[in-house]
PDB file of N, CA and C in Angstrom:
ATOM      1  N   UNK A   1      12.250 -42.928 -17.254  1.00  0.00           N
ATOM      2  CA  UNK A   1      13.092 -42.434 -16.475  1.00  0.00           C
ATOM      3  C   UNK A   1      14.163 -41.588 -17.006  1.00  0.00           C
ATOM      4  N   UNK A   2      14.603 -41.809 -18.182  1.00  0.00           N
ATOM      5  CA  UNK A   2      15.514 -40.866 -18.865  1.00  0.00           C
ATOM      6  C   UNK A   2      14.847 -39.570 -19.148  1.00  0.00           C
ATOM      7  N   UNK A   3      13.634 -39.546 -19.635  1.00  0.00           N
ATOM      8  CA  UNK A   3      12.858 -38.188 -19.713  1.00  0.00           C
ATOM      9  C   UNK A   3      12.910 -37.329 -18.380  1.00  0.00           C
ATOM     10  N   UNK A   4      12.721 -38.132 -17.294  1.00  0.00           N
ATOM     11  CA  UNK A   4      12.671 -37.241 -16.110  1.00  0.00           C
ATOM     12  C   UNK A   4      14.051 -36.759 -15.860  1.00  0.00           C
ATOM     13  N   UNK A   5      15.132 -37.564 -15.932  1.00  0.00           N
ATOM     14  CA  UNK A   5      16.469 -37.113 -15.781  1.00  0.00           C
ATOM     15  C   UNK A   5      16.862 -36.084 -16.556  1.00  0.00           C
ATOM     16  N   UNK A   6      16.636 -36.123 -17.917  1.00  0.00           N
ATOM     17  CA  UNK A   6      16.713 -35.012 -18.855  1.00  0.00           C
ATOM     18  C   UNK A   6      16.032 -33.762 -18.254  1.00  0.00           C
ATOM     19  N   UNK A   7      14.846 -33.845 -17.821  1.00  0.00           N
ATOM     20  CA  UNK A   7      14.343 -32.569 -17.301  1.00  0.00           C
ATOM     21  C   UNK A   7      14.838 -32.008 -16.209  1.00  0.00           C
ATOM     22  N   UNK A   8      15.173 -32.802 -15.215  1.00  0.00           N
ATOM     23  CA  UNK A   8      15.912 -32.395 -14.059  1.00  0.00           C
ATOM     24  C   UNK A   8      17.256 -31.833 -14.263  1.00  0.00           C
ATOM     25  N   UNK A   9      17.995 -32.318 -15.287  1.00  0.00           N
ATOM     26  CA  UNK A   9      19.152 -31.721 -15.589  1.00  0.00           C
ATOM     27  C   UNK A   9      19.286 -30.644 -16.631  1.00  0.00           C
ATOM     28  N   UNK A  10      18.035 -30.325 -17.410  1.00  0.00           N
ATOM     29  CA  UNK A  10      18.063 -29.389 -18.308  1.00  0.00           C
ATOM     30  C   UNK A  10      18.359 -27.837 -17.782  1.00  0.00           C
ATOM     31  N   UNK A  11      18.666 -27.129 -18.666  1.00  0.00           N
ATOM     32  CA  UNK A  11      19.146 -25.624 -18.289  1.00  0.00           C
ATOM     33  C   UNK A  11      17.778 -24.848 -17.897  1.00  0.00           C
ATOM     34  N   UNK A  12      16.603 -25.247 -18.144  1.00  0.00           N
ATOM     35  CA  UNK A  12      15.483 -24.557 -17.716  1.00  0.00           C
ATOM     36  C   UNK A  12      14.662 -25.412 -16.791  1.00  0.00           C
ATOM     37  N   UNK A  13      15.237 -26.593 -16.174  1.00  0.00           N
ATOM     38  CA  UNK A  13      14.440 -27.454 -15.192  1.00  0.00           C
ATOM     39  C   UNK A  13      14.274 -26.982 -13.836  1.00  0.00           C
ATOM     40  N   UNK A  14      13.738 -27.769 -12.966  1.00  0.00           N
ATOM     41  CA  UNK A  14      13.568 -27.317 -11.600  1.00  0.00           C
ATOM     42  C   UNK A  14      14.743 -27.051 -10.803  1.00  0.00           C
ATOM     43  N   UNK A  15      15.950 -27.211 -11.090  1.00  0.00           N
ATOM     44  CA  UNK A  15      17.243 -27.010 -10.347  1.00  0.00           C
ATOM     45  C   UNK A  15      17.611 -25.515 -10.854  1.00  0.00           C
ATOM     46  N   UNK A  16      16.885 -24.609 -11.509  1.00  0.00           N
ATOM     47  CA  UNK A  16      17.149 -23.357 -11.809  1.00  0.00           C
ATOM     48  C   UNK A  16      16.209 -22.284 -11.519  1.00  0.00           C
ATOM     49  N   UNK A  17      16.522 -21.082 -11.487  1.00  0.00           N
ATOM     50  CA  UNK A  17      15.590 -19.892 -11.041  1.00  0.00           C
ATOM     51  C   UNK A  17      14.593 -19.713 -12.228  1.00  0.00           C
ATOM     52  N   UNK A  18      15.085 -20.077 -13.386  1.00  0.00           N
ATOM     53  CA  UNK A  18      14.113 -19.959 -14.430  1.00  0.00           C
ATOM     54  C   UNK A  18      12.833 -20.817 -14.430  1.00  0.00           C
ATOM     55  N   UNK A  19      13.044 -22.041 -13.552  1.00  0.00           N
ATOM     56  CA  UNK A  19      11.761 -22.813 -13.442  1.00  0.00           C
ATOM     57  C   UNK A  19      11.013 -22.273 -12.209  1.00  0.00           C
ATOM     58  N   UNK A  20      11.680 -21.962 -11.033  1.00  0.00           N
ATOM     59  CA  UNK A  20      10.893 -21.644  -9.917  1.00  0.00           C
ATOM     60  C   UNK A  20      10.630 -20.339  -9.720  1.00  0.00           C
ATOM     61  N   UNK A  21      11.285 -19.316 -10.476  1.00  0.00           N
ATOM     62  CA  UNK A  21      10.980 -17.845 -10.324  1.00  0.00           C
ATOM     63  C   UNK A  21       9.365 -17.536 -10.678  1.00  0.00           C
ATOM     64  N   UNK A  22       8.977 -17.988 -11.829  1.00  0.00           N
ATOM     65  CA  UNK A  22       7.526 -17.874 -12.018  1.00  0.00           C
ATOM     66  C   UNK A  22       6.695 -18.446 -11.018  1.00  0.00           C
ATOM     67  N   UNK A  23       6.919 -19.598 -10.653  1.00  0.00           N
ATOM     68  CA  UNK A  23       6.095 -20.407  -9.687  1.00  0.00           C
ATOM     69  C   UNK A  23       6.048 -19.770  -8.322  1.00  0.00           C
ATOM     70  N   UNK A  24       7.140 -19.320  -7.814  1.00  0.00           N
ATOM     71  CA  UNK A  24       7.098 -18.449  -6.553  1.00  0.00           C
ATOM     72  C   UNK A  24       6.493 -17.082  -6.880  1.00  0.00           C
ATOM     73  N   UNK A  25       6.919 -16.435  -7.954  1.00  0.00           N
ATOM     74  CA  UNK A  25       6.328 -15.043  -8.269  1.00  0.00           C
ATOM     75  C   UNK A  25       4.793 -14.946  -8.105  1.00  0.00           C
ATOM     76  N   UNK A  26       4.179 -15.916  -8.911  1.00  0.00           N
ATOM     77  CA  UNK A  26       2.737 -16.008  -8.974  1.00  0.00           C
ATOM     78  C   UNK A  26       1.916 -16.183  -7.500  1.00  0.00           C
ATOM     79  N   UNK A  27       2.762 -16.663  -6.536  1.00  0.00           N
ATOM     80  CA  UNK A  27       2.372 -16.646  -5.270  1.00  0.00           C
ATOM     81  C   UNK A  27       1.738 -15.440  -4.596  1.00  0.00           C
ATOM     82  N   UNK A  28       2.316 -14.338  -4.986  1.00  0.00           N
ATOM     83  CA  UNK A  28       1.927 -13.107  -4.361  1.00  0.00           C
ATOM     84  C   UNK A  28       0.539 -12.510  -4.831  1.00  0.00           C
ATOM     85  N   UNK A  29       0.356 -12.529  -6.054  1.00  0.00           N
ATOM     86  CA  UNK A  29      -0.951 -12.094  -6.605  1.00  0.00           C
ATOM     87  C   UNK A  29      -1.981 -13.213  -6.054  1.00  0.00           C
ATOM     88  N   UNK A  30      -1.630 -14.392  -6.113  1.00  0.00           N
ATOM     89  CA  UNK A  30      -2.651 -15.295  -5.485  1.00  0.00           C
ATOM     90  C   UNK A  30      -2.934 -15.276  -3.976  1.00  0.00           C
ATOM     91  N   UNK A  31      -2.019 -15.005  -3.381  1.00  0.00           N
ATOM     92  CA  UNK A  31      -2.252 -14.799  -1.972  1.00  0.00           C
ATOM     93  C   UNK A  31      -2.998 -13.462  -1.709  1.00  0.00           C
ATOM     94  N   UNK A  32      -2.760 -12.484  -2.446  1.00  0.00           N
ATOM     95  CA  UNK A  32      -3.479 -11.252  -2.429  1.00  0.00           C
ATOM     96  C   UNK A  32      -4.948 -11.580  -2.815  1.00  0.00           C
ATOM     97  N   UNK A  33      -5.164 -12.367  -3.827  1.00  0.00           N
ATOM     98  CA  UNK A  33      -6.716 -12.654  -4.224  1.00  0.00           C
ATOM     99  C   UNK A  33      -7.291 -13.450  -3.109  1.00  0.00           C
ATOM    100  N   UNK A  34      -6.603 -14.243  -2.382  1.00  0.00           N
ATOM    101  CA  UNK A  34      -7.170 -15.050  -1.184  1.00  0.00           C
ATOM    102  C   UNK A  34      -7.522 -14.047  -0.289  1.00  0.00           C
ATOM    103  N   UNK A  35      -6.838 -13.056   0.056  1.00  0.00           N
ATOM    104  CA  UNK A  35      -7.125 -12.125   1.160  1.00  0.00           C
ATOM    105  C   UNK A  35      -8.199 -11.356   0.934  1.00  0.00           C
ATOM    106  N   UNK A  36      -8.824 -11.224  -0.582  1.00  0.00           N
ATOM    107  CA  UNK A  36     -10.130 -10.484  -0.742  1.00  0.00           C
ATOM    108  C   UNK A  36     -11.200 -10.849   0.104  1.00  0.00           C
ATOM    109  N   UNK A  37     -11.127 -12.113   0.652  1.00  0.00           N
ATOM    110  CA  UNK A  37     -12.274 -12.512   1.503  1.00  0.00           C
ATOM    111  C   UNK A  37     -12.116 -11.963   2.997  1.00  0.00           C
ATOM    112  N   UNK A  38     -10.923 -11.312   3.318  1.00  0.00           N
ATOM    113  CA  UNK A  38     -10.785 -10.781   4.761  1.00  0.00           C
ATOM    114  C   UNK A  38     -11.671  -9.619   4.829  1.00  0.00           C
ATOM    115  N   UNK A  39     -12.240  -9.358   6.048  1.00  0.00           N
ATOM    116  CA  UNK A  39     -12.959  -8.186   6.219  1.00  0.00           C
ATOM    117  C   UNK A  39     -12.088  -6.909   6.021  1.00  0.00           C
ATOM    118  N   UNK A  40     -12.574  -5.817   5.781  1.00  0.00           N
ATOM    119  CA  UNK A  40     -11.543  -4.597   5.451  1.00  0.00           C
ATOM    120  C   UNK A  40     -10.908  -4.218   6.713  1.00  0.00           C
ATOM    121  N   UNK A  41     -11.422  -4.453   7.940  1.00  0.00           N
ATOM    122  CA  UNK A  41     -10.840  -3.935   9.075  1.00  0.00           C
ATOM    123  C   UNK A  41      -9.529  -4.692   9.361  1.00  0.00           C
ATOM    124  N   UNK A  42      -9.352  -5.905   8.752  1.00  0.00           N
ATOM    125  CA  UNK A  42      -8.256  -6.664   9.069  1.00  0.00           C
ATOM    126  C   UNK A  42      -7.019  -6.373   8.052  1.00  0.00           C
ATOM    127  N   UNK A  43      -7.397  -5.449   7.051  1.00  0.00           N
ATOM    128  CA  UNK A  43      -6.368  -5.026   5.863  1.00  0.00           C
ATOM    129  C   UNK A  43      -5.505  -4.234   6.615  1.00  0.00           C
ATOM    130  N   UNK A  44      -4.035  -4.229   6.308  1.00  0.00           N
ATOM    131  CA  UNK A  44      -3.095  -3.381   6.612  1.00  0.00           C
ATOM    132  C   UNK A  44      -2.836  -2.304   5.555  1.00  0.00           C
ATOM    133  N   UNK A  45      -3.328  -1.008   5.782  1.00  0.00           N
ATOM    134  CA  UNK A  45      -3.258  -0.077   4.780  1.00  0.00           C
ATOM    135  C   UNK A  45      -1.621   0.209   4.506  1.00  0.00           C
ATOM    136  N   UNK A  46      -0.843   0.195   5.433  1.00  0.00           N
ATOM    137  CA  UNK A  46       0.459   0.369   5.072  1.00  0.00           C
ATOM    138  C   UNK A  46       1.202  -0.511   4.161  1.00  0.00           C
ATOM    139  N   UNK A  47       0.879  -1.854   4.548  1.00  0.00           N
ATOM    140  CA  UNK A  47       1.546  -3.093   3.837  1.00  0.00           C
ATOM    141  C   UNK A  47       0.869  -3.065   2.527  1.00  0.00           C
ATOM    142  N   UNK A  48      -0.406  -2.802   2.265  1.00  0.00           N
ATOM    143  CA  UNK A  48      -1.028  -2.665   1.005  1.00  0.00           C
ATOM    144  C   UNK A  48      -0.438  -1.688  -0.063  1.00  0.00           C
ATOM    145  N   UNK A  49      -0.195  -0.384   0.583  1.00  0.00           N
ATOM    146  CA  UNK A  49       0.444   0.674   0.155  1.00  0.00           C
ATOM    147  C   UNK A  49       1.808   0.180  -0.492  1.00  0.00           C
ATOM    148  N   UNK A  50       2.642  -0.321   0.415  1.00  0.00           N
ATOM    149  CA  UNK A  50       3.950  -0.792  -0.013  1.00  0.00           C
ATOM    150  C   UNK A  50       4.077  -1.767  -1.085  1.00  0.00           C
ATOM    151  N   UNK A  51       3.046  -2.669  -1.082  1.00  0.00           N
ATOM    152  CA  UNK A  51       2.909  -3.661  -2.097  1.00  0.00           C
ATOM    153  C   UNK A  51       2.489  -2.982  -3.436  1.00  0.00           C
ATOM    154  N   UNK A  52       1.624  -1.954  -3.351  1.00  0.00           N
ATOM    155  CA  UNK A  52       1.483  -1.111  -4.656  1.00  0.00           C
ATOM    156  C   UNK A  52       2.540  -0.566  -5.296  1.00  0.00           C
ATOM    157  N   UNK A  53       3.380   0.102  -4.404  1.00  0.00           N
ATOM    158  CA  UNK A  53       4.594   0.665  -4.806  1.00  0.00           C
ATOM    159  C   UNK A  53       5.579  -0.314  -5.348  1.00  0.00           C
ATOM    160  N   UNK A  54       5.768  -1.358  -4.712  1.00  0.00           N
ATOM    161  CA  UNK A  54       6.641  -2.438  -5.057  1.00  0.00           C
ATOM    162  C   UNK A  54       6.382  -3.020  -6.476  1.00  0.00           C
ATOM    163  N   UNK A  55       4.974  -3.204  -6.521  1.00  0.00           N
ATOM    164  CA  UNK A  55       4.668  -3.725  -7.959  1.00  0.00           C
ATOM    165  C   UNK A  55       4.748  -2.848  -9.063  1.00  0.00           C
ATOM    166  N   UNK A  56       4.377  -1.384  -8.733  1.00  0.00           N
ATOM    167  CA  UNK A  56       4.683  -0.365  -9.750  1.00  0.00           C
ATOM    168  C   UNK A  56       6.119  -0.238 -10.148  1.00  0.00           C
ATOM    169  N   UNK A  57       7.049  -0.330  -9.167  1.00  0.00           N
ATOM    170  CA  UNK A  57       8.511  -0.319  -9.504  1.00  0.00           C
ATOM    171  C   UNK A  57       8.935  -1.553 -10.188  1.00  0.00           C
ATOM    172  N   UNK A  58       8.516  -2.638  -9.961  1.00  0.00           N
ATOM    173  CA  UNK A  58       8.817  -3.875 -10.745  1.00  0.00           C
ATOM    174  C   UNK A  58       8.230  -4.021 -12.214  1.00  0.00           C
ATOM    175  N   UNK A  59       7.017  -3.324 -12.121  1.00  0.00           N
ATOM    176  CA  UNK A  59       6.460  -3.203 -13.646  1.00  0.00           C
ATOM    177  C   UNK A  59       7.280  -2.310 -14.569  1.00  0.00           C
ATOM    178  N   UNK A  60       7.746  -1.151 -13.974  1.00  0.00           N
ATOM    179  CA  UNK A  60       8.793  -0.421 -14.687  1.00  0.00           C
ATOM    180  C   UNK A  60       9.896  -1.137 -15.002  1.00  0.00           C
ATOM    181  N   UNK A  61      10.621  -1.830 -14.114  1.00  0.00           N
ATOM    182  CA  UNK A  61      11.794  -2.527 -14.266  1.00  0.00           C
ATOM    183  C   UNK A  61      11.372  -3.576 -15.586  1.00  0.00           C
ATOM    184  N   UNK A  62      10.467  -4.512 -15.416  1.00  0.00           N
ATOM    185  CA  UNK A  62      10.157  -5.455 -16.296  1.00  0.00           C
ATOM    186  C   UNK A  62       9.944  -4.772 -17.813  1.00  0.00           C
ATOM    187  N   UNK A  63       9.437  -3.511 -17.800  1.00  0.00           N
ATOM    188  CA  UNK A  63       9.185  -2.911 -19.184  1.00  0.00           C
ATOM    189  C   UNK A  63      10.526  -2.298 -19.637  1.00  0.00           C
ATOM    190  N   UNK A  64      11.256  -1.845 -18.836  1.00  0.00           N
ATOM    191  CA  UNK A  64      12.545  -1.090 -19.195  1.00  0.00           C
ATOM    192  C   UNK A  64      13.802  -2.066 -19.588  1.00  0.00           C
ATOM    193  N   UNK A  65      13.796  -3.211 -18.959  1.00  0.00           N
ATOM    194  CA  UNK A  65      14.819  -4.188 -19.119  1.00  0.00           C
ATOM    195  C   UNK A  65      14.896  -4.701 -20.530  1.00  0.00           C
ATOM    196  N   UNK A  66      15.871  -4.910 -21.253  1.00  0.00           N
ATOM    197  CA  UNK A  66      16.075  -5.369 -22.685  1.00  0.00           C
ATOM    198  C   UNK A  66      16.619  -6.668 -22.381  1.00  0.00           C
ATOM    199  N   UNK A  67      16.116  -7.958 -22.881  1.00  0.00           N
ATOM    200  CA  UNK A  67      14.793  -7.810 -23.658  1.00  0.00           C
ATOM    201  C   UNK A  67      13.687  -7.741 -22.656  1.00  0.00           C
ATOM    202  N   UNK A  68      12.483  -7.335 -22.904  1.00  0.00           N
ATOM    203  CA  UNK A  68      11.417  -7.009 -22.105  1.00  0.00           C
ATOM    204  C   UNK A  68      10.993  -8.420 -21.423  1.00  0.00           C
ATOM    205  N   UNK A  69      10.846  -8.295 -19.968  1.00  0.00           N
ATOM    206  CA  UNK A  69      10.225  -9.511 -19.345  1.00  0.00           C
ATOM    207  C   UNK A  69       8.801  -9.350 -19.252  1.00  0.00           C
ATOM    208  N   UNK A  70       8.052  -9.843 -20.203  1.00  0.00           N
ATOM    209  CA  UNK A  70       6.668  -9.627 -20.087  1.00  0.00           C
ATOM    210  C   UNK A  70       5.882 -10.434 -19.120  1.00  0.00           C
ATOM    211  N   UNK A  71       6.563 -11.660 -18.731  1.00  0.00           N
ATOM    212  CA  UNK A  71       5.973 -12.536 -17.718  1.00  0.00           C
ATOM    213  C   UNK A  71       6.009 -11.730 -16.414  1.00  0.00           C
ATOM    214  N   UNK A  72       7.154 -11.206 -16.017  1.00  0.00           N
ATOM    215  CA  UNK A  72       7.061 -10.395 -14.853  1.00  0.00           C
ATOM    216  C   UNK A  72       6.272  -9.152 -14.847  1.00  0.00           C
ATOM    217  N   UNK A  73       6.067  -8.480 -16.142  1.00  0.00           N
ATOM    218  CA  UNK A  73       5.219  -7.364 -16.072  1.00  0.00           C
ATOM    219  C   UNK A  73       3.818  -7.837 -15.724  1.00  0.00           C
ATOM    220  N   UNK A  74       3.345  -9.201 -16.452  1.00  0.00           N
ATOM    221  CA  UNK A  74       2.055  -9.570 -16.152  1.00  0.00           C
ATOM    222  C   UNK A  74       1.841  -9.837 -14.780  1.00  0.00           C
ATOM    223  N   UNK A  75       2.784 -10.482 -14.235  1.00  0.00           N
ATOM    224  CA  UNK A  75       2.730 -11.056 -12.817  1.00  0.00           C
ATOM    225  C   UNK A  75       2.485  -9.569 -11.843  1.00  0.00           C
ATOM    226  N   UNK A  76       3.196  -8.645 -12.022  1.00  0.00           N
ATOM    227  CA  UNK A  76       3.073  -7.425 -11.171  1.00  0.00           C
ATOM    228  C   UNK A  76       1.928  -6.668 -11.519  1.00  0.00           C
ATOM    229  N   UNK A  77       1.519  -6.520 -12.751  1.00  0.00           N
ATOM    230  CA  UNK A  77       0.434  -5.914 -13.171  1.00  0.00           C
ATOM    231  C   UNK A  77      -0.891  -6.606 -12.420  1.00  0.00           C
ATOM    232  N   UNK A  78      -0.775  -7.876 -12.405  1.00  0.00           N
ATOM    233  CA  UNK A  78      -1.986  -8.745 -11.715  1.00  0.00           C
ATOM    234  C   UNK A  78      -2.038  -8.385 -10.236  1.00  0.00           C
ATOM    235  N   UNK A  79      -0.747  -8.406  -9.662  1.00  0.00           N
ATOM    236  CA  UNK A  79      -0.631  -7.913  -8.289  1.00  0.00           C
ATOM    237  C   UNK A  79      -1.001  -6.574  -7.998  1.00  0.00           C
ATOM    238  N   UNK A  80      -0.748  -5.791  -8.755  1.00  0.00           N
ATOM    239  CA  UNK A  80      -1.097  -4.237  -8.729  1.00  0.00           C
ATOM    240  C   UNK A  80      -2.545  -4.077  -8.637  1.00  0.00           C
ATOM    241  N   UNK A  81      -3.233  -4.664  -9.486  1.00  0.00           N
ATOM    242  CA  UNK A  81      -4.714  -4.606  -9.723  1.00  0.00           C
ATOM    243  C   UNK A  81      -5.388  -5.312  -8.245  1.00  0.00           C
ATOM    244  N   UNK A  82      -4.977  -6.269  -7.862  1.00  0.00           N
ATOM    245  CA  UNK A  82      -5.426  -6.782  -6.739  1.00  0.00           C
ATOM    246  C   UNK A  82      -5.270  -5.905  -5.467  1.00  0.00           C
ATOM    247  N   UNK A  83      -3.950  -5.466  -5.510  1.00  0.00           N
ATOM    248  CA  UNK A  83      -3.445  -4.681  -4.160  1.00  0.00           C
ATOM    249  C   UNK A  83      -4.351  -3.257  -4.216  1.00  0.00           C
ATOM    250  N   UNK A  84      -4.564  -2.735  -5.505  1.00  0.00           N
ATOM    251  CA  UNK A  84      -5.404  -1.544  -5.450  1.00  0.00           C
ATOM    252  C   UNK A  84      -6.745  -1.886  -4.882  1.00  0.00           C
ATOM    253  N   UNK A  85      -7.318  -2.956  -5.299  1.00  0.00           N
ATOM    254  CA  UNK A  85      -8.598  -3.202  -5.001  1.00  0.00           C
ATOM    255  C   UNK A  85      -8.676  -3.372  -3.487  1.00  0.00           C
ATOM    256  N   UNK A  86      -7.670  -4.039  -2.767  1.00  0.00           N
ATOM    257  CA  UNK A  86      -7.636  -4.169  -1.504  1.00  0.00           C
ATOM    258  C   UNK A  86      -7.476  -2.668  -0.779  1.00  0.00           C
ATOM    259  N   UNK A  87      -6.651  -1.948  -1.419  1.00  0.00           N
ATOM    260  CA  UNK A  87      -6.405  -0.570  -0.855  1.00  0.00           C
ATOM    261  C   UNK A  87      -7.691   0.241  -0.855  1.00  0.00           C
ATOM    262  N   UNK A  88      -8.562   0.011  -1.988  1.00  0.00           N
ATOM    263  CA  UNK A  88      -9.773   0.797  -2.070  1.00  0.00           C
ATOM    264  C   UNK A  88     -10.797   0.270  -1.079  1.00  0.00           C
ATOM    265  N   UNK A  89     -10.880  -0.981  -0.674  1.00  0.00           N
ATOM    266  CA  UNK A  89     -11.640  -1.551   0.478  1.00  0.00           C
ATOM    267  C   UNK A  89     -11.236  -0.978   1.785  1.00  0.00           C
ATOM    268  N   UNK A  90      -9.885  -0.856   1.928  1.00  0.00           N
ATOM    269  CA  UNK A  90      -9.436  -0.285   3.349  1.00  0.00           C
ATOM    270  C   UNK A  90      -9.617   1.250   3.478  1.00  0.00           C
ATOM    271  N   UNK A  91      -9.624   1.865   2.141  1.00  0.00           N
ATOM    272  CA  UNK A  91      -9.970   3.220   2.411  1.00  0.00           C
ATOM    273  C   UNK A  91     -11.240   3.576   2.559  1.00  0.00           C
ATOM    274  N   UNK A  92     -12.120   2.888   1.891  1.00  0.00           N
ATOM    275  CA  UNK A  92     -13.602   2.852   2.212  1.00  0.00           C
ATOM    276  C   UNK A  92     -14.086   2.704   3.642  1.00  0.00           C
ATOM    277  N   UNK A  93     -13.383   1.469   4.152  1.00  0.00           N
ATOM    278  CA  UNK A  93     -13.516   1.411   5.666  1.00  0.00           C
ATOM    279  C   UNK A  93     -13.064   2.514   6.608  1.00  0.00           C
ATOM    280  N   UNK A  94     -11.904   3.149   6.090  1.00  0.00           N
ATOM    281  CA  UNK A  94     -11.378   4.371   7.115  1.00  0.00           C
ATOM    282  C   UNK A  94     -12.214   5.464   6.725  1.00  0.00           C
ATOM    283  N   UNK A  95     -12.968   5.500   5.748  1.00  0.00           N
ATOM    284  CA  UNK A  95     -13.874   6.799   5.591  1.00  0.00           C
ATOM    285  C   UNK A  95     -13.305   7.619   4.587  1.00  0.00           C
ATOM    286  N   UNK A  96     -12.225   7.236   3.935  1.00  0.00           N
ATOM    287  CA  UNK A  96     -11.738   8.380   2.797  1.00  0.00           C
ATOM    288  C   UNK A  96     -12.386   8.268   1.467  1.00  0.00           C
ATOM    289  N   UNK A  97     -13.124   7.254   1.238  1.00  0.00           N
ATOM    290  CA  UNK A  97     -13.801   7.005  -0.053  1.00  0.00           C
ATOM    291  C   UNK A  97     -15.323   6.832   0.437  1.00  0.00           C
ATOM    292  N   UNK A  98     -16.140   7.405  -0.161  1.00  0.00           N
ATOM    293  CA  UNK A  98     -17.690   7.253   0.112  1.00  0.00           C
ATOM    294  C   UNK A  98     -18.042   8.425   1.075  1.00  0.00           C
ATOM    295  N   UNK A  99     -19.353   7.900   1.616  1.00  0.00           N
ATOM    296  CA  UNK A  99     -19.804   8.966   2.640  1.00  0.00           C
ATOM    297  C   UNK A  99     -19.516   8.607   4.024  1.00  0.00           C
ATOM    298  N   UNK A 100     -19.642   7.278   4.413  1.00  0.00           N
ATOM    299  CA  UNK A 100     -19.346   7.037   5.753  1.00  0.00           C
ATOM    300  C   UNK A 100     -18.643   5.726   5.886  1.00  0.00           C
ATOM    301  N   UNK A 101     -17.719   5.634   6.738  1.00  0.00           N
ATOM    302  CA  UNK A 101     -16.995   4.205   6.833  1.00  0.00           C
ATOM    303  C   UNK A 101     -17.658   3.277   7.687  1.00  0.00           C
ATOM    304  N   UNK A 102     -17.531   2.119   7.375  1.00  0.00           N
ATOM    305  CA  UNK A 102     -17.981   0.870   8.236  1.00  0.00           C
ATOM    306  C   UNK A 102     -17.843   0.876   9.715  1.00  0.00           C
ATOM    307  N   UNK A 103     -16.770   1.720  10.127  1.00  0.00           N
ATOM    308  CA  UNK A 103     -16.292   1.786  11.323  1.00  0.00           C
ATOM    309  C   UNK A 103     -17.267   2.887  11.990  1.00  0.00           C
ATOM    310  N   UNK A 104     -17.702   3.935  11.373  1.00  0.00           N
ATOM    311  CA  UNK A 104     -18.461   4.943  11.935  1.00  0.00           C
ATOM    312  C   UNK A 104     -19.882   4.301  12.026  1.00  0.00           C
ATOM    313  N   UNK A 105     -20.213   3.437  11.148  1.00  0.00           N
ATOM    314  CA  UNK A 105     -21.659   2.916  11.130  1.00  0.00           C
ATOM    315  C   UNK A 105     -21.698   2.127  12.397  1.00  0.00           C
ATOM    316  N   UNK A 106     -20.591   1.291  12.626  1.00  0.00           N
ATOM    317  CA  UNK A 106     -20.598   0.256  13.689  1.00  0.00           C
ATOM    318  C   UNK A 106     -20.583   1.109  15.002  1.00  0.00           C
ATOM    319  N   UNK A 107     -20.027   2.308  15.112  1.00  0.00           N
ATOM    320  CA  UNK A 107     -19.911   2.898  16.289  1.00  0.00           C
ATOM    321  C   UNK A 107     -21.440   3.638  16.582  1.00  0.00           C
ATOM    322  N   UNK A 108     -22.060   4.020  15.501  1.00  0.00           N
ATOM    323  CA  UNK A 108     -23.341   4.546  15.554  1.00  0.00           C
ATOM    324  C   UNK A 108     -24.472   3.542  15.963  1.00  0.00           C
ATOM    325  N   UNK A 109     -24.135   2.377  15.479  1.00  0.00           N
ATOM    326  CA  UNK A 109     -25.045   1.215  15.773  1.00  0.00           C
ATOM    327  C   UNK A 109     -24.991   0.867  17.267  1.00  0.00           C
ATOM    328  N   UNK A 110     -23.674   0.943  17.925  1.00  0.00           N
ATOM    329  CA  UNK A 110     -23.535   0.680  19.259  1.00  0.00           C
ATOM    330  C   UNK A 110     -24.138   1.690  20.251  1.00  0.00           C
ATOM    331  N   UNK A 111     -24.260   2.923  19.797  1.00  0.00           N
ATOM    332  CA  UNK A 111     -24.849   4.042  20.605  1.00  0.00           C
ATOM    333  C   UNK A 111     -26.388   4.083  20.553  1.00  0.00           C
TER     334      UNK A 111
END
């Protein structure tokens, strides 16, 4: 019981942002990875672009702050890679990448 009480009251325990920040922070790229199962027509291109810019800005912040916050850098690098993958799926569906979009193929199949 004493060990648990010491952990709860420690300066890096669960009562501090030093403990919960990384736990909550990794929820963003994990949620994005779960969303890779979504069909591309359900992806929001605007939100994915905003998340790419957000992660890029925070990667720069994590690198520039002294001392460097490498954990935050890794977190946003992971999120950036997943968001770029999602953005590429959305762009392919919209017809910006590749020869034909899935939407055009579906329209041709209906006619």
